N, C-alpha and C. Protein backbone atom coordinates (compact mmCIF):
# COMPACT_ATOMS: atom_id res chain seq x y z
N MET A 1 6.27 0.88 17.79
CA MET A 1 5.74 1.21 16.04
C MET A 1 4.78 2.29 17.16
N THR A 2 4.31 3.23 16.87
CA THR A 2 3.35 4.05 16.55
C THR A 2 2.60 4.12 15.39
N LEU A 3 0.96 3.72 15.42
CA LEU A 3 -0.16 3.91 14.10
C LEU A 3 -0.15 4.75 14.31
N LYS A 4 -0.57 6.04 13.65
CA LYS A 4 -1.50 6.34 14.19
C LYS A 4 -3.17 6.64 12.30
N HIS A 5 -4.26 7.37 13.18
CA HIS A 5 -4.93 6.63 12.00
C HIS A 5 -5.07 7.47 10.34
N PRO A 6 -4.99 7.25 9.93
CA PRO A 6 -5.79 5.90 9.11
C PRO A 6 -5.17 4.68 9.20
N PHE A 7 -4.20 4.60 9.69
CA PHE A 7 -3.06 3.52 10.28
C PHE A 7 -3.97 2.61 11.19
N CYS A 8 -3.43 1.34 10.92
CA CYS A 8 -4.21 -0.16 11.77
C CYS A 8 -3.00 -0.60 11.63
N ILE A 9 -2.86 -2.34 12.72
CA ILE A 9 -2.76 -3.48 12.53
C ILE A 9 -2.97 -4.37 11.61
N SER A 10 -2.58 -4.56 10.63
CA SER A 10 -3.23 -5.87 10.32
C SER A 10 -3.58 -7.62 10.78
N TYR A 11 -4.31 -8.31 10.23
CA TYR A 11 -3.66 -9.61 11.13
C TYR A 11 -2.68 -9.67 10.59
N ARG A 12 -1.42 -9.45 10.02
CA ARG A 12 -0.68 -9.80 9.63
C ARG A 12 0.50 -9.04 10.31
N LEU A 13 -0.09 -8.65 11.98
CA LEU A 13 0.71 -7.54 12.46
C LEU A 13 1.27 -7.39 11.69
N LEU A 14 0.72 -6.15 10.59
CA LEU A 14 1.68 -5.58 9.74
C LEU A 14 1.00 -4.29 9.98
N PRO A 15 2.17 -2.66 9.44
CA PRO A 15 0.97 -1.18 9.29
C PRO A 15 0.17 -1.54 8.18
N ALA A 16 -1.19 -1.25 8.20
CA ALA A 16 -1.81 -1.41 7.08
C ALA A 16 -2.74 -0.10 7.28
N VAL A 17 -2.98 -0.05 5.52
CA VAL A 17 -5.02 1.33 5.65
C VAL A 17 -5.51 0.07 5.80
N LYS A 18 -7.64 0.22 5.95
CA LYS A 18 -8.57 -0.44 6.30
C LYS A 18 -8.85 0.34 4.65
N VAL A 19 -9.40 -0.49 3.00
CA VAL A 19 -9.60 -0.32 1.97
C VAL A 19 -11.54 -1.50 2.23
N GLY A 20 -12.73 -0.22 2.25
CA GLY A 20 -13.91 -1.70 2.53
C GLY A 20 -13.38 -2.51 3.35
N ASP A 21 -13.61 -3.66 2.53
CA ASP A 21 -13.21 -4.73 4.05
C ASP A 21 -12.13 -5.31 3.83
N ALA A 22 -11.19 -5.07 3.44
CA ALA A 22 -9.83 -5.41 3.16
C ALA A 22 -9.28 -4.53 3.24
N TYR A 23 -7.67 -5.30 3.48
CA TYR A 23 -6.56 -4.66 4.22
C TYR A 23 -5.54 -4.84 3.34
N ILE A 24 -4.84 -3.29 3.50
CA ILE A 24 -2.75 -3.18 2.49
C ILE A 24 -2.32 -3.53 3.41
N SER A 25 -1.53 -4.03 3.52
CA SER A 25 -0.37 -3.69 4.61
C SER A 25 1.09 -4.08 4.02
N ILE A 26 2.38 -3.53 4.11
CA ILE A 26 3.37 -3.24 4.26
C ILE A 26 4.37 -3.40 5.33
N GLU A 27 5.21 -3.94 4.50
CA GLU A 27 6.54 -4.40 5.82
C GLU A 27 8.09 -3.85 4.75
N PHE A 28 8.93 -4.20 5.38
CA PHE A 28 10.36 -3.30 4.25
C PHE A 28 10.82 -4.94 4.14
N THR A 29 11.21 -5.20 3.33
CA THR A 29 12.40 -6.90 2.78
C THR A 29 13.31 -6.81 2.44
N LYS A 30 13.74 -7.83 2.59
CA LYS A 30 15.43 -8.04 2.16
C LYS A 30 16.27 -8.40 1.22
N ARG A 31 15.42 -8.07 0.22
CA ARG A 31 15.90 -7.92 -1.10
C ARG A 31 16.64 -6.22 -1.26
N PRO A 32 17.49 -6.25 -1.79
CA PRO A 32 17.65 -4.68 -1.63
C PRO A 32 16.97 -4.25 -2.92
N GLY A 33 16.64 -3.18 -3.37
CA GLY A 33 16.30 -2.04 -3.45
C GLY A 33 17.50 -1.72 -4.61
N ARG A 34 17.34 -1.34 -5.61
CA ARG A 34 17.61 -0.90 -7.55
C ARG A 34 18.34 0.60 -6.70
N ASP A 35 19.89 0.82 -7.43
CA ASP A 35 20.02 1.76 -7.07
C ASP A 35 19.92 2.54 -5.77
N GLY A 36 20.31 1.86 -4.35
CA GLY A 36 20.04 1.96 -3.72
C GLY A 36 18.80 3.32 -2.95
N MET A 37 17.37 2.63 -3.84
CA MET A 37 16.20 2.97 -3.32
C MET A 37 16.08 1.32 -2.23
N THR A 38 14.84 1.98 -1.35
CA THR A 38 13.93 0.92 -0.37
C THR A 38 13.04 0.35 -0.79
N ARG A 39 12.72 -1.06 -0.89
CA ARG A 39 12.27 -2.15 -1.42
C ARG A 39 11.27 -2.16 0.14
N PHE A 40 9.41 -2.59 -0.65
CA PHE A 40 9.39 -2.92 0.47
C PHE A 40 7.97 -4.52 -0.56
N LYS A 41 7.81 -4.95 0.61
CA LYS A 41 6.22 -6.32 0.31
C LYS A 41 5.79 -5.61 0.81
N TYR A 42 4.44 -6.05 0.18
CA TYR A 42 2.93 -5.60 -0.08
C TYR A 42 1.95 -6.58 0.30
N TYR A 43 1.29 -6.79 0.97
CA TYR A 43 -0.52 -7.99 0.82
C TYR A 43 -1.49 -6.69 0.61
N ILE A 44 -2.51 -6.96 -0.31
CA ILE A 44 -3.41 -6.71 -0.66
C ILE A 44 -4.46 -8.07 0.18
N ASP A 45 -5.40 -8.15 1.39
CA ASP A 45 -6.13 -9.34 1.80
C ASP A 45 -7.78 -8.76 1.72
N THR A 46 -8.62 -9.14 0.79
CA THR A 46 -9.34 -9.36 0.62
C THR A 46 -10.56 -10.32 0.75
N PRO A 47 -11.65 -10.23 1.50
CA PRO A 47 -12.63 -11.79 1.22
C PRO A 47 -12.66 -12.74 0.06
N GLY A 48 -12.46 -11.87 -1.66
CA GLY A 48 -12.16 -12.46 -2.53
C GLY A 48 -11.28 -13.16 -2.80
N PHE A 49 -10.09 -12.70 -2.46
CA PHE A 49 -8.39 -12.83 -2.88
C PHE A 49 -7.08 -12.21 -2.03
N GLU A 50 -6.17 -12.91 -2.03
CA GLU A 50 -4.65 -12.10 -1.21
C GLU A 50 -4.22 -12.32 -2.65
N TYR A 51 -3.56 -10.80 -2.47
CA TYR A 51 -2.33 -10.56 -3.18
C TYR A 51 -0.94 -10.06 -2.92
N SER A 52 -0.08 -10.27 -2.75
CA SER A 52 1.26 -9.28 -2.10
C SER A 52 2.75 -9.73 -3.38
N ALA A 53 3.66 -9.26 -3.01
CA ALA A 53 4.57 -8.13 -3.93
C ALA A 53 5.32 -7.83 -3.22
N ASP A 54 6.31 -8.11 -3.94
CA ASP A 54 8.38 -6.97 -2.96
C ASP A 54 8.73 -5.96 -3.94
N ASP A 55 7.23 -5.74 -5.28
CA ASP A 55 8.89 -4.59 -6.17
C ASP A 55 8.01 -3.04 -5.44
N LEU A 56 7.88 -3.16 -5.01
CA LEU A 56 7.72 -1.30 -5.10
C LEU A 56 9.25 -0.94 -3.88
N GLN A 57 9.45 -0.03 -4.61
CA GLN A 57 10.52 0.96 -4.41
C GLN A 57 10.84 2.58 -4.72
N THR A 58 11.89 2.81 -3.21
CA THR A 58 11.13 3.81 -2.89
C THR A 58 11.80 5.11 -3.16
N TRP A 59 13.04 6.50 -3.31
CA TRP A 59 13.91 6.71 -2.44
C TRP A 59 13.62 6.81 -1.41
N ARG A 60 12.51 7.72 -0.58
CA ARG A 60 12.23 7.71 0.43
C ARG A 60 11.75 6.35 0.99
N GLY A 61 12.52 6.00 2.05
CA GLY A 61 13.20 4.94 3.12
C GLY A 61 12.27 4.08 3.93
N ASN A 62 11.04 5.09 4.58
CA ASN A 62 10.12 4.89 5.73
C ASN A 62 8.42 3.50 5.01
N LEU A 63 7.83 3.65 6.03
CA LEU A 63 6.86 2.39 6.17
C LEU A 63 5.77 3.97 6.02
N GLN A 64 5.69 4.84 6.33
CA GLN A 64 4.58 5.90 4.68
C GLN A 64 4.15 5.93 3.67
N ASP A 65 5.87 6.21 3.85
CA ASP A 65 5.94 6.49 1.48
C ASP A 65 5.96 5.62 1.27
N GLY A 66 6.79 4.44 2.20
CA GLY A 66 5.74 3.08 1.01
C GLY A 66 4.32 2.46 0.96
N MET A 67 3.84 3.08 1.50
CA MET A 67 2.57 3.21 1.86
C MET A 67 1.37 3.86 1.00
N GLU A 68 2.51 5.26 0.68
CA GLU A 68 1.86 6.16 0.00
C GLU A 68 2.05 6.02 -1.51
N ASN A 69 3.17 5.30 -1.63
CA ASN A 69 3.43 5.57 -3.16
C ASN A 69 2.38 3.73 -3.25
N LEU A 70 2.52 3.26 -2.37
CA LEU A 70 1.38 1.94 -3.10
C LEU A 70 0.57 1.95 -3.13
N LEU A 71 -0.86 3.63 -2.77
CA LEU A 71 -2.12 3.28 -2.68
C LEU A 71 -1.54 4.32 -4.40
N VAL A 72 -0.57 5.40 -4.46
CA VAL A 72 -0.48 6.15 -6.38
C VAL A 72 -0.85 5.16 -7.35
N PHE A 73 0.08 3.59 -6.98
CA PHE A 73 -0.16 2.30 -8.00
C PHE A 73 -1.35 2.46 -8.15
N LEU A 74 -1.81 1.64 -7.16
CA LEU A 74 -3.10 1.65 -7.30
C LEU A 74 -4.61 2.01 -7.67
N VAL A 75 -4.01 3.85 -7.10
CA VAL A 75 -5.23 4.03 -7.74
C VAL A 75 -4.89 4.66 -9.90
N ALA A 76 -3.88 4.35 -10.67
CA ALA A 76 -3.48 4.83 -11.27
C ALA A 76 -3.58 3.13 -11.97
N ALA A 77 -3.77 1.81 -11.47
CA ALA A 77 -4.09 0.46 -11.42
C ALA A 77 -5.83 0.51 -11.50
N ALA A 78 -6.46 1.44 -10.75
CA ALA A 78 -8.18 1.38 -11.61
C ALA A 78 -8.40 2.10 -12.86
N ALA A 79 -7.31 2.92 -13.13
CA ALA A 79 -7.13 3.43 -14.60
C ALA A 79 -7.26 2.35 -16.00
N GLU A 80 -6.29 1.53 -15.50
CA GLU A 80 -5.66 0.50 -16.59
C GLU A 80 -6.02 -0.95 -15.97
N PRO A 81 -6.94 -1.63 -15.65
CA PRO A 81 -6.45 -3.33 -14.81
C PRO A 81 -5.96 -3.74 -15.97
N GLY A 82 -4.99 -4.41 -15.65
CA GLY A 82 -4.03 -5.43 -15.71
C GLY A 82 -3.04 -4.53 -16.22
N TYR A 83 -2.87 -3.24 -15.81
CA TYR A 83 -1.27 -2.79 -16.75
C TYR A 83 -0.20 -3.06 -15.42
N LEU A 84 -0.69 -2.57 -14.00
CA LEU A 84 0.52 -2.40 -13.20
C LEU A 84 0.86 -3.17 -11.71
N PHE A 85 -0.84 -3.70 -12.03
CA PHE A 85 -1.12 -5.66 -10.82
C PHE A 85 -2.30 -5.96 -11.75
N PRO A 86 -2.30 -7.33 -11.52
CA PRO A 86 -2.96 -8.69 -11.80
C PRO A 86 -4.71 -7.62 -12.57
N GLU A 87 -5.08 -8.65 -13.39
CA GLU A 87 -6.36 -7.45 -13.82
C GLU A 87 -7.66 -7.47 -12.83
N HIS A 88 -7.50 -8.52 -12.02
CA HIS A 88 -8.48 -9.15 -10.32
C HIS A 88 -7.60 -7.71 -9.91
N VAL A 89 -6.86 -7.62 -9.68
CA VAL A 89 -6.49 -6.29 -8.67
C VAL A 89 -6.94 -4.61 -8.93
N GLY A 90 -6.84 -5.06 -10.00
CA GLY A 90 -6.71 -3.87 -10.83
C GLY A 90 -8.51 -3.34 -10.83
N GLU A 91 -8.97 -4.16 -10.87
CA GLU A 91 -11.13 -4.07 -10.87
C GLU A 91 -11.34 -4.17 -9.75
N TRP A 92 -10.70 -4.62 -8.44
CA TRP A 92 -10.98 -3.75 -7.40
C TRP A 92 -10.04 -2.78 -6.93
N ALA A 93 -9.27 -2.33 -6.84
CA ALA A 93 -8.75 -1.16 -6.96
C ALA A 93 -10.20 0.19 -8.19
N ASP A 94 -10.26 -0.61 -8.10
CA ASP A 94 -11.25 0.05 -9.62
C ASP A 94 -12.72 1.15 -8.86
N ARG A 95 -13.48 -0.49 -8.12
CA ARG A 95 -14.34 -0.30 -7.16
C ARG A 95 -14.38 -0.38 -6.07
N HIS A 96 -12.67 0.53 -5.53
CA HIS A 96 -13.08 1.22 -4.15
C HIS A 96 -12.24 2.32 -4.49
N LEU A 97 -12.20 3.00 -5.72
CA LEU A 97 -11.14 4.19 -5.99
C LEU A 97 -11.47 5.13 -5.41
N CYS A 98 -12.55 5.40 -4.96
CA CYS A 98 -12.36 7.01 -4.11
C CYS A 98 -11.76 6.90 -2.35
N GLN A 99 -11.86 5.64 -1.86
CA GLN A 99 -11.30 5.26 -0.73
C GLN A 99 -10.05 5.89 -0.98
N LEU A 100 -9.40 5.04 -2.10
CA LEU A 100 -7.71 4.96 -2.47
C LEU A 100 -7.28 6.23 -2.53
N GLU A 101 -8.18 7.08 -2.90
CA GLU A 101 -7.96 8.26 -3.42
C GLU A 101 -7.82 9.28 -2.31
N GLU A 102 -8.97 9.49 -1.59
CA GLU A 102 -8.63 9.73 0.05
C GLU A 102 -7.13 9.35 1.00
N LEU A 103 -7.65 7.89 1.19
CA LEU A 103 -6.42 7.24 1.96
C LEU A 103 -5.50 8.46 1.18
N GLN A 104 -5.05 8.61 -0.03
CA GLN A 104 -3.45 8.74 -0.47
C GLN A 104 -3.10 9.52 -0.20
N LEU A 105 -4.22 10.59 -0.21
CA LEU A 105 -3.75 11.96 0.19
C LEU A 105 -3.86 12.40 1.72
N THR A 106 -4.40 11.74 2.70
CA THR A 106 -4.70 11.84 3.67
C THR A 106 -2.52 11.25 3.92
N ILE A 107 -2.73 10.29 3.83
CA ILE A 107 -1.00 9.98 4.18
C ILE A 107 -0.26 10.91 3.65
N SER A 108 -0.59 11.61 2.62
CA SER A 108 0.69 12.74 1.75
C SER A 108 0.72 13.33 2.26
N GLU A 109 -0.75 14.38 2.82
CA GLU A 109 -0.40 15.42 3.65
C GLU A 109 -0.91 15.53 4.87
N THR A 110 -0.22 14.07 5.80
CA THR A 110 -0.17 14.19 7.43
C THR A 110 1.18 13.93 7.67
N PRO A 111 2.59 14.03 8.48
CA PRO A 111 3.37 13.72 8.08
C PRO A 111 3.28 12.45 9.82
N ASP A 112 4.14 12.09 9.96
CA ASP A 112 4.12 10.98 11.12
C ASP A 112 3.29 10.55 11.31
N LEU A 113 2.36 9.61 10.51
CA LEU A 113 1.19 8.74 11.14
C LEU A 113 1.89 7.44 11.85
N ILE A 114 3.07 7.40 10.87
CA ILE A 114 3.99 5.98 11.65
C ILE A 114 5.16 6.73 11.96
N VAL A 115 5.49 6.17 13.56
CA VAL A 115 6.86 6.37 14.24
C VAL A 115 7.31 5.28 14.73
N PRO A 116 8.57 4.77 14.08
CA PRO A 116 9.18 4.07 14.80
C PRO A 116 9.84 3.93 16.13
């Protein structure tokens, strides 16, 4: 797998982006998605907490699209902590909102940042 900036490899040895002093990593999960969608597991590793879930699903089934969608949800969570994610994750997203928005835009506008 080849990763291009802003992607890197996290200490979990997964494709990730760095947000402040945290890493957001993503991988495919073995659980099937709803209605043929692809399901992803993601990890948010900060010095203050670790959070993971496997509830992210997209119609487009590659890791770059999965990360883009996760970042969209984190940006939305910043506006209303506790709605899409636990409150502490939404508060963290709010503190890093500008960087999350910038990463989401870069990933959405730049094809082939992750090449299998």
